[in-house]
C-alpha cells in the first residue's frame, strides 16, 4: 500500500463489506418468508408514531397523545409517505445510509492509526465484531445513534489534538441524545472535558446542546398530559426481569453472551487506559471507559443486541489506536474481535434473521385480520404492526404507548396487585371490541367475559417471538359473528408456518 491510497482502501473495505452484508441479510429473509420484513414489531411502532405526527397527533391513535417511541428524532425522520407502503421502507433507507456513513468514518479512523495488513484486518473484522449490519437490519434508530456517537468522538479527538470545537463535535453532541437518551452521558462527559481544558463557554454550550432539546421534549410530553419520559422507555426499564438497583442491573447485564462481549470491551478499554503515555489518548479513552461503565450499571443489554451496539462502536473507536501499536494487546484484541464477529454473524444467521419470519407470521397476519374490521377498536399487547396504516383504534394493554396500561400491568405483576381481569377492565374502559394477545402474558388478567374465538399459532418458531400462540377474543358479544367470518375467510390463506384455527 502507498500513502496516497490507504485512506480509500480502508474506507472502501469497511463500506463495501457492510454494503454487501445488509442486502444479503434481507435476501436471506426474503428467501425464508417470501417477502420483505423487519425482525422487530417495534419498527412499526415508530412508523405508527410518524403517521400520527403527520396527521397532527403525537401518538398511535388520532387525537389521543401517546409516547410510544424510544427516540425523539427518529419518528420525525419517518413522517414522509404516512401510512403508505413507501413509508415502510424509510427505516431501511435511514439504516442503510447510517450504516455506510458509519463504515466510512471507521475506515478513515483506522487509516489515521494504522496501515498495511493490520489495517486491512481491522477494516474487515471490526464492523462485524460490533454487529453493524445486524443492528442496521432491525430498522430501528440504533445505527443512527451509533453514528452520532462516533461523530461526537471523532470531533472530540479533533478538539483534544488541535484544540478546535468543530462541526463534528457540535453535531454529535446535539444528535446523539435526541436519537437515544443514552447519548446524554457521553455528551456531558465530552462537554466537561472541553470546559476543563479552558474552553468554559464552549463546554457550557455543548452541555446545553445535549440537555436543552431533551428538556424541551419532556416539557412537550407533559403539555400533552403524558409523563416527561416516554412510556416505551419506562415500560422497558421497569420490566419484571429488571431492577432499578444498579448492582442488580449490572449482574443482569452480564448474565448473557452480549454482556460478556461488552465486559470484554470494557476490560480492553481498562488495559488501554493504564498503558497509554499520550495524555490526549488517555483522556479520550477515559471518556469512553466512563460511558461503557455507565451503560453496564444503568443501561440494557440484549433484545437483538441493539441496546449495547453504540457501546461496542465507541469502544472499537477508542481501542483502534491501541490495537495498531502491536504486541500482546493487539494479538489478544484481534482474537477477541474475531470471536465477537463470529458470535454476531452466527446469531444473525440462526436467530435474528429468522425472527423476521415470526413478525410476518404473527404481526402481519394480525394486521390482515384487523383490516377486515375497519374502525373496530382492538386490544393488543404488541402495538406496532396493528397500529400502522390501519383504520382502527388500538388499545395498548402492555404500556409501551400509554402510562395507564403500563401502571396497571406493573400493579398486576406486583404482590397484592389488582383483582383478576385487569386487562379486561382496561380494554373495556378504552372501548375495545375484540383482542389479539399473548394469553400467557396476562394469565388471570384476561377479562372474564372475553370469548375465545380463534388462535393464530406458529408452532416451533425459529427466532425470537413473544409467544407461539396469539389468542383472538371477542370482547363485545356483538362482534363475535363478524370476527368468526373474518377468521373463516383468512384461515385457508395463512402463509406456511402459521395456522389460524377457530375455537368453538
Protein backbone atom coordinates (compact mmCIF):
# COMPACT_ATOMS: atom_id res chain seq x y z
CA UNK A 1 0.00 0.00 0.00
CA UNK A 2 1.22 3.51 -0.71
CA UNK A 3 0.37 6.52 1.40
CA UNK A 4 -1.93 8.12 -1.15
CA UNK A 5 -4.15 5.03 -1.42
CA UNK A 6 -4.52 3.90 2.17
CA UNK A 7 -7.47 6.10 3.15
CA UNK A 8 -9.54 4.99 0.19
CA UNK A 9 -8.58 1.33 0.63
CA UNK A 10 -9.53 1.03 4.31
CA UNK A 11 -12.64 3.15 3.89
CA UNK A 12 -13.78 1.04 0.96
CA UNK A 13 -13.09 -2.20 2.82
CA UNK A 14 -15.46 -1.13 5.58
CA UNK A 15 -18.08 0.35 3.29
CA UNK A 16 -18.15 -2.45 0.72
CA UNK A 17 -18.24 -5.24 3.29
CA UNK A 18 -21.27 -3.72 5.03
CA UNK A 19 -22.86 -2.60 1.76
CA UNK A 20 -22.91 -6.28 0.77
CA UNK A 21 -23.87 -7.59 4.21
CA UNK A 22 -27.19 -5.78 4.63
CA UNK A 23 -28.67 -6.79 1.24
CA UNK A 24 -27.55 -10.37 1.90
CA UNK A 25 -29.34 -10.25 5.27
CA UNK A 26 -32.63 -9.16 3.69
CA UNK A 27 -32.20 -11.52 0.71
CA UNK A 28 -31.92 -14.38 3.18
CA UNK A 29 -35.06 -13.15 4.94
CA UNK A 30 -36.90 -12.94 1.62
CA UNK A 31 -35.88 -16.50 0.79
CA UNK A 32 -37.26 -17.70 4.11
CA UNK A 33 -40.62 -15.91 4.09
CA UNK A 34 -41.12 -14.73 0.52
CA UNK A 35 -41.42 -11.03 1.30
CA UNK A 36 -39.65 -8.08 2.89
CA UNK A 37 -39.98 -7.83 6.67
CA UNK A 38 -38.17 -6.43 9.68
CA UNK A 39 -37.31 -8.70 12.63
CA UNK A 40 -38.95 -6.38 15.18
CA UNK A 41 -42.51 -5.19 15.62
CA UNK A 42 -41.02 -2.09 17.27
CA UNK A 43 -40.17 -0.65 13.83
CA UNK A 44 -43.88 -0.32 13.17
CA UNK A 45 -44.37 1.50 16.47
CA UNK A 46 -42.10 4.24 15.15
CA UNK A 47 -43.89 4.17 11.80
CA UNK A 48 -47.26 4.45 13.54
CA UNK A 49 -45.98 7.35 15.66
CA UNK A 50 -44.67 9.03 12.50
CA UNK A 51 -48.05 8.51 10.83
CA UNK A 52 -49.72 10.11 13.85
CA UNK A 53 -47.32 13.07 13.81
CA UNK A 54 -48.03 13.63 10.12
CA UNK A 55 -51.73 13.65 10.97
CA UNK A 56 -51.33 16.14 13.80
CA UNK A 57 -51.23 13.81 16.83
CA UNK A 58 -48.18 12.70 18.76
CA UNK A 59 -49.46 9.17 19.24
CA UNK A 60 -50.64 5.99 17.56
CA UNK A 61 -54.38 6.84 17.55
CA UNK A 62 -55.75 10.06 16.04
CA UNK A 63 -56.47 12.66 18.69
CA UNK A 64 -55.02 10.58 21.54
CA UNK A 65 -51.47 11.59 22.62
CA UNK A 66 -49.11 8.73 23.41
CA UNK A 67 -45.35 8.37 23.91
CA UNK A 68 -44.64 5.04 22.26
CA UNK A 69 -41.34 5.99 20.58
CA UNK A 70 -38.00 5.42 22.29
CA UNK A 71 -36.38 8.20 20.23
CA UNK A 72 -37.15 11.90 19.96
CA UNK A 73 -35.85 12.37 16.42
CA UNK A 74 -36.35 9.02 14.70
CA UNK A 75 -40.17 9.19 14.27
CA UNK A 76 -39.75 12.61 12.65
CA UNK A 77 -37.43 11.07 10.06
CA UNK A 78 -40.16 8.56 9.17
CA UNK A 79 -43.00 11.04 8.57
CA UNK A 80 -42.87 11.13 4.72
CA UNK A 81 -45.48 8.96 2.93
CA UNK A 82 -47.55 8.34 6.10
CA UNK A 83 -49.44 5.05 6.01
CA UNK A 84 -48.20 4.17 2.52
CA UNK A 85 -46.09 1.16 1.60
CA UNK A 86 -43.26 3.53 0.71
CA UNK A 87 -43.12 4.65 4.34
CA UNK A 88 -42.34 1.08 5.39
CA UNK A 89 -39.01 1.32 3.58
CA UNK A 90 -37.88 4.54 5.24
CA UNK A 91 -36.33 2.68 8.22
CA UNK A 92 -34.31 0.65 5.71
CA UNK A 93 -33.20 3.82 3.91
CA UNK A 94 -32.07 5.56 7.09
CA UNK A 95 -30.31 2.49 8.41
CA UNK A 96 -28.51 1.77 5.16
CA UNK A 97 -27.43 5.42 4.93
CA UNK A 98 -26.29 5.43 8.55
CA UNK A 99 -24.51 2.10 8.17
CA UNK A 100 -22.48 3.18 5.16
CA UNK A 101 -21.57 6.51 6.75
CA UNK A 102 -20.51 4.78 9.95
CA UNK A 103 -18.39 2.33 7.97
CA UNK A 104 -16.78 5.19 6.07
CA UNK A 105 -15.90 7.00 9.29
CA UNK A 106 -14.47 3.84 10.82
CA UNK A 107 -12.29 3.35 7.74
CA UNK A 108 -10.96 6.88 7.98
CA UNK A 109 -10.22 6.40 11.69
CA UNK A 110 -8.37 3.11 11.05
CA UNK A 111 -6.25 4.80 8.39
CA UNK A 112 -5.26 7.51 10.85
CA UNK A 113 -3.68 4.97 13.19
CA UNK A 114 -2.57 2.00 11.10
CA UNK A 115 -1.53 0.84 7.64
CA UNK A 116 -0.81 -2.42 5.89
CA UNK A 117 -2.16 -5.83 6.87
CA UNK A 118 -3.20 -4.79 10.37
CA UNK A 119 -5.39 -2.03 8.98
CA UNK A 120 -6.94 -4.43 6.46
CA UNK A 121 -7.82 -6.90 9.23
CA UNK A 122 -9.27 -4.16 11.41
CA UNK A 123 -11.34 -2.84 8.50
CA UNK A 124 -12.73 -6.29 7.75
CA UNK A 125 -13.33 -7.54 11.30
CA UNK A 126 -14.44 -4.58 13.42
CA UNK A 127 -17.70 -3.82 11.54
CA UNK A 128 -18.87 -7.36 12.23
CA UNK A 129 -17.39 -7.52 15.73
CA UNK A 130 -19.61 -4.53 16.59
CA UNK A 131 -22.62 -6.06 14.76
CA UNK A 132 -23.12 -3.06 12.48
CA UNK A 133 -25.02 -4.83 9.71
CA UNK A 134 -27.09 -6.89 12.14
CA UNK A 135 -28.28 -3.84 14.06
CA UNK A 136 -28.99 -1.88 10.87
CA UNK A 137 -31.22 -4.72 9.67
CA UNK A 138 -33.52 -4.14 12.66
CA UNK A 139 -34.77 -0.89 11.14
CA UNK A 140 -34.57 0.97 14.46
CA UNK A 141 -32.74 4.15 15.49
CA UNK A 142 -29.70 2.39 16.94
CA UNK A 143 -27.48 2.65 13.85
CA UNK A 144 -28.05 6.40 13.55
CA UNK A 145 -27.40 6.73 17.27
CA UNK A 146 -24.11 4.82 16.99
CA UNK A 147 -23.19 7.06 14.05
CA UNK A 148 -23.90 10.21 16.07
CA UNK A 149 -21.79 8.85 18.94
CA UNK A 150 -18.94 8.09 16.53
CA UNK A 151 -19.14 11.58 15.02
CA UNK A 152 -19.06 13.04 18.54
CA UNK A 153 -15.97 11.01 19.43
CA UNK A 154 -14.08 11.92 16.28
CA UNK A 155 -14.95 15.56 16.84
CA UNK A 156 -13.77 15.20 20.43
CA UNK A 157 -10.44 13.80 19.25
CA UNK A 158 -10.04 16.79 16.95
CA UNK A 159 -10.57 19.04 19.95
CA UNK A 160 -8.03 17.13 22.06
CA UNK A 161 -5.40 17.09 19.34
CA UNK A 162 -5.95 20.54 17.77
CA UNK A 163 -7.99 22.50 20.30
CA UNK A 164 -10.88 23.03 17.86
CA UNK A 165 -14.57 22.74 18.73
CA UNK A 166 -15.65 21.76 15.24
CA UNK A 167 -18.89 20.92 13.48
CA UNK A 168 -18.49 17.17 14.10
CA UNK A 169 -18.33 17.63 17.86
CA UNK A 170 -21.29 20.02 17.87
CA UNK A 171 -23.39 17.77 15.62
CA UNK A 172 -22.60 14.63 17.63
CA UNK A 173 -23.42 16.25 20.98
CA UNK A 174 -26.69 17.60 19.60
CA UNK A 175 -27.88 14.50 17.72
CA UNK A 176 -26.84 11.59 19.96
CA UNK A 177 -29.25 12.39 22.85
CA UNK A 178 -32.23 13.12 20.58
CA UNK A 179 -31.69 9.82 18.79
CA UNK A 180 -31.42 7.87 22.05
CA UNK A 181 -31.26 9.09 25.63
CA UNK A 182 -28.09 7.06 26.28
CA UNK A 183 -26.23 9.70 24.29
CA UNK A 184 -26.55 12.18 27.16
CA UNK A 185 -23.82 10.56 29.26
CA UNK A 186 -21.06 10.71 26.65
CA UNK A 187 -22.17 14.18 25.53
CA UNK A 188 -21.91 15.57 29.06
CA UNK A 189 -18.54 13.88 29.66
CA UNK A 190 -17.16 15.40 26.47
CA UNK A 191 -18.61 18.80 27.39
CA UNK A 192 -16.95 18.62 30.81
CA UNK A 193 -13.53 17.89 29.29
CA UNK A 194 -13.91 20.80 26.88
CA UNK A 195 -14.72 23.11 29.80
CA UNK A 196 -11.86 21.78 31.94
CA UNK A 197 -9.44 22.32 29.07
CA UNK A 198 -10.07 26.05 29.38
CA UNK A 199 -12.97 26.40 26.93
CA UNK A 200 -15.60 27.07 29.56
CA UNK A 201 -18.08 28.79 27.26
CA UNK A 202 -17.79 26.11 24.59
CA UNK A 203 -18.22 23.37 27.19
CA UNK A 204 -21.34 25.03 28.57
CA UNK A 205 -22.71 25.44 25.04
CA UNK A 206 -22.14 21.77 24.29
CA UNK A 207 -23.82 20.71 27.53
CA UNK A 208 -26.80 22.91 26.65
CA UNK A 209 -26.99 21.35 23.18
CA UNK A 210 -27.18 17.92 24.82
CA UNK A 211 -29.72 18.79 27.52
CA UNK A 212 -32.00 21.53 26.21
CA UNK A 213 -33.64 19.53 23.36
CA UNK A 214 -34.32 16.66 25.76
CA UNK A 215 -35.74 19.04 28.36
CA UNK A 216 -37.95 20.71 25.74
CA UNK A 217 -39.19 17.31 24.64
CA UNK A 218 -40.05 16.44 28.26
CA UNK A 219 -42.00 19.70 28.52
CA UNK A 220 -43.81 18.86 25.29
CA UNK A 221 -44.81 15.46 26.63
CA UNK A 222 -46.14 16.93 29.85
CA UNK A 223 -48.08 19.53 27.85
CA UNK A 224 -49.80 16.60 26.16
CA UNK A 225 -50.76 15.11 29.51
CA UNK A 226 -48.01 12.46 29.35
CA UNK A 227 -45.11 11.52 31.59
CA UNK A 228 -41.90 13.52 30.90
CA UNK A 229 -40.15 10.28 29.86
CA UNK A 230 -41.68 8.19 27.03
CA UNK A 231 -43.85 5.33 28.22
CA UNK A 232 -41.96 2.96 25.93
CA UNK A 233 -38.73 3.74 27.79
CA UNK A 234 -40.33 3.45 31.23
CA UNK A 235 -42.04 0.19 30.30
CA UNK A 236 -38.77 -1.45 29.31
CA UNK A 237 -36.76 -0.01 32.18
CA UNK A 238 -39.35 -1.31 34.64
CA UNK A 239 -39.75 -4.76 33.10
CA UNK A 240 -40.22 -7.53 35.63
CA UNK A 241 -36.83 -9.02 34.76
CA UNK A 242 -35.09 -5.70 35.50
CA UNK A 243 -34.24 -3.88 38.69
CA UNK A 244 -33.64 -0.24 39.44
CA UNK A 245 -30.77 -1.25 41.74
CA UNK A 246 -27.50 -0.57 39.81
CA UNK A 247 -25.73 -3.67 41.11
CA UNK A 248 -28.66 -5.94 40.23
CA UNK A 249 -28.85 -4.37 36.79
CA UNK A 250 -25.11 -4.90 36.32
CA UNK A 251 -25.42 -8.60 37.21
CA UNK A 252 -28.39 -8.97 34.87
CA UNK A 253 -26.49 -7.28 32.03
CA UNK A 254 -23.54 -9.60 32.46
CA UNK A 255 -25.71 -12.73 32.54
CA UNK A 256 -25.65 -13.08 28.74
CA UNK A 257 -23.20 -13.56 25.89
CA UNK A 258 -23.84 -9.98 24.81
CA UNK A 259 -22.97 -8.84 28.31
CA UNK A 260 -19.72 -10.77 28.16
CA UNK A 261 -18.87 -9.06 24.86
CA UNK A 262 -19.42 -5.65 26.48
CA UNK A 263 -17.44 -6.73 29.55
CA UNK A 264 -14.55 -7.79 27.29
CA UNK A 265 -14.64 -4.39 25.57
CA UNK A 266 -14.59 -2.73 28.99
CA UNK A 267 -11.61 -4.85 30.06
CA UNK A 268 -9.65 -3.90 26.94
CA UNK A 269 -10.51 -0.23 27.50
CA UNK A 270 -9.23 -0.53 31.06
CA UNK A 271 -5.99 -2.09 29.88
CA UNK A 272 -5.57 0.60 27.23
CA UNK A 273 -6.33 3.32 29.75
CA UNK A 274 -3.46 2.29 32.02
CA UNK A 275 -0.98 1.66 29.20
CA UNK A 276 -1.15 4.93 27.28
CA UNK A 277 1.58 7.53 27.58
CA UNK A 278 -0.15 10.06 25.34
CA UNK A 279 -2.23 12.29 27.62
CA UNK A 280 -4.81 13.06 24.91
CA UNK A 281 -5.30 9.38 24.12
CA UNK A 282 -5.64 8.57 27.80
CA UNK A 283 -8.33 11.23 28.21
CA UNK A 284 -10.06 10.08 25.03
CA UNK A 285 -10.12 6.50 26.32
CA UNK A 286 -11.25 7.59 29.79
CA UNK A 287 -14.36 9.30 28.40
CA UNK A 288 -15.34 6.14 26.52
CA UNK A 289 -14.49 3.99 29.56
CA UNK A 290 -16.88 6.04 31.70
CA UNK A 291 -19.65 5.78 29.10
CA UNK A 292 -19.31 1.99 28.93
CA UNK A 293 -19.20 1.71 32.72
CA UNK A 294 -22.36 3.79 32.97
CA UNK A 295 -24.15 1.56 30.48
CA UNK A 296 -23.19 -1.57 32.40
CA UNK A 297 -24.79 -0.20 35.55
CA UNK A 298 -27.74 1.73 34.13
CA UNK A 299 -28.37 0.57 30.54
CA UNK A 300 -29.72 -2.57 28.93
CA UNK A 301 -28.04 -5.40 27.06
CA UNK A 302 -29.76 -7.79 24.69
CA UNK A 303 -33.02 -7.69 22.73
CA UNK A 304 -31.36 -8.43 19.36
CA UNK A 305 -28.09 -6.90 20.61
CA UNK A 306 -29.28 -3.39 19.80
CA UNK A 307 -29.01 -1.66 23.17
CA UNK A 308 -25.28 -2.27 23.53
CA UNK A 309 -24.47 -1.50 19.88
CA UNK A 310 -23.28 2.05 20.47
CA UNK A 311 -21.12 0.80 23.36
CA UNK A 312 -19.31 -1.61 21.05
CA UNK A 313 -18.87 1.03 18.34
CA UNK A 314 -17.37 3.68 20.62
CA UNK A 315 -15.22 1.01 22.31
CA UNK A 316 -13.84 -0.05 18.92
CA UNK A 317 -13.04 3.56 18.06
CA UNK A 318 -11.23 4.06 21.37
CA UNK A 319 -9.30 0.78 21.02
CA UNK A 320 -8.11 1.17 17.43
CA UNK A 321 -5.05 3.29 18.42
CA UNK A 322 -4.01 0.62 20.95
CA UNK A 323 -4.65 -2.25 18.53
CA UNK A 324 -2.46 -0.52 15.96
CA UNK A 325 0.53 -0.45 18.33
CA UNK A 326 1.11 -4.19 18.20
CA UNK A 327 2.36 -6.56 20.88
CA UNK A 328 0.29 -8.85 23.08
CA UNK A 329 -2.54 -6.31 23.34
CA UNK A 330 -3.08 -6.46 19.59
CA UNK A 331 -2.90 -10.26 19.45
CA UNK A 332 -5.41 -10.79 22.25
CA UNK A 333 -7.58 -7.97 20.98
CA UNK A 334 -7.74 -9.43 17.48
CA UNK A 335 -8.75 -12.83 18.88
CA UNK A 336 -11.50 -11.19 20.92
CA UNK A 337 -12.71 -9.19 17.90
CA UNK A 338 -12.83 -12.31 15.75
CA UNK A 339 -14.77 -14.15 18.46
CA UNK A 340 -17.25 -11.28 18.71
CA UNK A 341 -17.65 -11.15 14.92
CA UNK A 342 -18.24 -14.91 14.77
CA UNK A 343 -20.83 -14.71 17.56
CA UNK A 344 -22.83 -11.92 15.95
CA UNK A 345 -22.67 -13.47 12.48
CA UNK A 346 -23.91 -16.77 13.89
CA UNK A 347 -26.71 -15.11 15.88
CA UNK A 348 -27.87 -13.11 12.87
CA UNK A 349 -27.93 -16.14 10.60
CA UNK A 350 -29.55 -18.54 13.05
CA UNK A 351 -31.76 -16.37 15.27
CA UNK A 352 -32.29 -12.70 14.41
CA UNK A 353 -32.71 -13.27 10.69
CA UNK A 354 -35.38 -15.89 11.36
CA UNK A 355 -37.23 -13.54 13.70
CA UNK A 356 -38.43 -11.52 10.70
CA UNK A 357 -40.33 -14.67 9.74
CA UNK A 358 -42.07 -14.60 13.11
CA UNK A 359 -43.07 -10.96 12.67
CA UNK A 360 -44.55 -11.84 9.29
CA UNK A 361 -46.35 -14.97 10.51
CA UNK A 362 -47.83 -13.26 13.56
CA UNK A 363 -47.98 -9.50 13.39
CA UNK A 364 -48.56 -9.13 9.66
CA UNK A 365 -51.39 -11.69 9.83
CA UNK A 366 -52.94 -9.88 12.80
CA UNK A 367 -52.91 -6.72 10.67
CA UNK A 368 -54.68 -8.64 7.89
CA UNK A 369 -57.45 -9.62 10.29
CA UNK A 370 -57.68 -6.08 11.64
CA UNK A 371 -58.01 -4.65 8.12
CA UNK A 372 -61.20 -6.72 7.67
CA UNK A 373 -62.80 -4.91 10.62
CA UNK A 374 -62.19 -1.22 9.81
CA UNK A 375 -62.93 1.20 12.59
CA UNK A 376 -63.39 -1.53 15.22
CA UNK A 377 -61.11 -0.87 18.25
CA UNK A 378 -58.79 -3.77 19.05
CA UNK A 379 -56.80 -4.56 22.21
CA UNK A 380 -53.26 -5.91 21.77
CA UNK A 381 -50.01 -6.32 23.65
CA UNK A 382 -47.76 -5.68 20.60
CA UNK A 383 -48.95 -2.42 19.11
CA UNK A 384 -46.69 -1.79 16.11
CA UNK A 385 -47.96 -3.68 13.08
CA UNK A 386 -51.63 -3.36 14.06
CA UNK A 387 -51.30 0.39 14.70
CA UNK A 388 -49.52 1.33 11.46
CA UNK A 389 -51.60 2.05 8.33
CA UNK A 390 -54.82 0.79 9.91
CA UNK A 391 -58.26 2.38 10.26
CA UNK A 392 -58.97 1.28 13.83
CA UNK A 393 -58.13 2.49 17.32
CA UNK A 394 -55.53 0.33 19.06
CA UNK A 395 -55.87 -0.29 22.80
CA UNK A 396 -52.43 -0.85 24.27
CA UNK A 397 -52.53 -3.45 27.05
CA UNK A 398 -48.77 -3.62 27.72
CA UNK A 399 -47.98 0.04 28.26
CA UNK A 400 -45.46 0.87 25.55
CA UNK A 401 -47.71 3.73 24.47
CA UNK A 402 -49.91 4.55 27.45
CA UNK A 403 -48.98 5.10 31.09
CA UNK A 404 -52.30 3.79 32.41
CA UNK A 405 -51.71 0.41 30.76
CA UNK A 406 -48.12 0.30 31.97
CA UNK A 407 -49.14 1.08 35.55
CA UNK A 408 -52.00 -1.41 35.52
CA UNK A 409 -49.65 -4.14 34.32
CA UNK A 410 -47.00 -3.24 36.88
CA UNK A 411 -49.58 -3.38 39.65
CA UNK A 412 -50.72 -6.77 38.36
CA UNK A 413 -47.13 -8.03 38.42
CA UNK A 414 -46.56 -6.76 41.96
CA UNK A 415 -47.59 -8.72 45.01
CA UNK A 416 -51.05 -7.70 46.16
CA UNK A 417 -51.92 -6.18 42.80
CA UNK A 418 -55.40 -5.58 41.37
CA UNK A 419 -58.13 -8.15 41.05
CA UNK A 420 -58.07 -10.69 38.18
CA UNK A 421 -59.34 -9.30 34.91
CA UNK A 422 -57.30 -6.07 35.00
CA UNK A 423 -56.61 -6.25 31.24
CA UNK A 424 -60.31 -6.76 30.60
CA UNK A 425 -61.16 -3.69 32.64
CA UNK A 426 -58.57 -1.65 30.74
CA UNK A 427 -59.90 -2.83 27.37
CA UNK A 428 -63.47 -2.04 28.39
CA UNK A 429 -62.50 1.43 29.55
CA UNK A 430 -60.93 2.13 26.14
CA UNK A 431 -63.82 0.68 24.15
CA UNK A 432 -62.02 -2.33 22.62
CA UNK A 433 -64.43 -4.78 20.99
CA UNK A 434 -62.00 -7.64 20.35
CA UNK A 435 -58.47 -8.57 21.36
CA UNK A 436 -55.44 -10.28 19.80
CA UNK A 437 -52.96 -11.04 22.59
CA UNK A 438 -50.46 -13.49 24.03
CA UNK A 439 -52.76 -15.01 26.65
CA UNK A 440 -49.84 -16.44 28.62
CA UNK A 441 -48.53 -12.89 29.18
CA UNK A 442 -51.70 -11.89 31.02
CA UNK A 443 -52.68 -15.05 32.92
CA UNK A 444 -55.65 -14.10 35.11
CA UNK A 445 -55.68 -10.56 33.70
CA UNK A 446 -57.83 -11.65 30.75
CA UNK A 447 -61.41 -10.38 31.02
CA UNK A 448 -63.78 -12.95 32.49
CA UNK A 449 -66.36 -12.25 29.78
CA UNK A 450 -63.92 -12.44 26.86
CA UNK A 451 -64.86 -15.26 24.48
CA UNK A 452 -62.00 -17.11 22.76
CA UNK A 453 -62.81 -17.16 19.04
CA UNK A 454 -59.59 -18.37 17.41
CA UNK A 455 -55.86 -18.92 17.80
CA UNK A 456 -53.05 -17.93 15.47
CA UNK A 457 -50.30 -20.47 16.07
CA UNK A 458 -46.71 -20.56 14.87
CA UNK A 459 -45.53 -23.86 16.35
CA UNK A 460 -41.83 -24.45 16.91
CA UNK A 461 -40.78 -20.95 15.80
CA UNK A 462 -37.23 -20.28 14.72
CA UNK A 463 -36.05 -16.96 16.07
CA UNK A 464 -37.44 -14.89 18.92
CA UNK A 465 -41.18 -14.47 19.46
CA UNK A 466 -43.14 -13.30 22.48
CA UNK A 467 -45.22 -16.47 22.30
CA UNK A 468 -46.05 -19.21 19.83
CA UNK A 469 -49.79 -18.52 20.05
CA UNK A 470 -51.84 -15.36 19.59
CA UNK A 471 -55.29 -15.74 21.15
CA UNK A 472 -58.13 -13.88 19.47
CA UNK A 473 -61.05 -12.93 21.71
CA UNK A 474 -64.43 -11.31 21.20
CA UNK A 475 -64.80 -8.72 23.95
CA UNK A 476 -68.09 -7.34 22.68
CA UNK A 477 -70.53 -10.24 22.03
CA UNK A 478 -71.99 -8.37 19.05
CA UNK A 479 -68.67 -8.54 17.18
CA UNK A 480 -68.23 -12.32 17.50
CA UNK A 481 -70.07 -13.31 14.32
CA UNK A 482 -68.17 -10.77 12.22
CA UNK A 483 -64.88 -11.84 13.80
CA UNK A 484 -65.57 -15.50 13.09
CA UNK A 485 -66.44 -14.67 9.49
CA UNK A 486 -63.09 -12.91 9.07
CA UNK A 487 -61.27 -15.87 10.61
CA UNK A 488 -63.05 -18.29 8.29
CA UNK A 489 -62.09 -16.24 5.22
CA UNK A 490 -58.43 -15.90 6.16
CA UNK A 491 -57.70 -19.32 7.65
CA UNK A 492 -57.14 -21.07 4.29
CA UNK A 493 -54.72 -18.39 3.06
CA UNK A 494 -52.39 -18.29 6.04
CA UNK A 495 -48.71 -18.48 5.00
CA UNK A 496 -46.83 -21.68 5.63
CA UNK A 497 -45.85 -21.85 9.29
CA UNK A 498 -48.93 -20.05 10.60
CA UNK A 499 -52.22 -21.75 11.46
CA UNK A 500 -55.41 -19.82 12.13
CA UNK A 501 -57.93 -22.05 13.92
CA UNK A 502 -61.44 -21.26 15.11
CA UNK A 503 -62.39 -22.21 18.66
CA UNK A 504 -65.99 -23.19 19.33
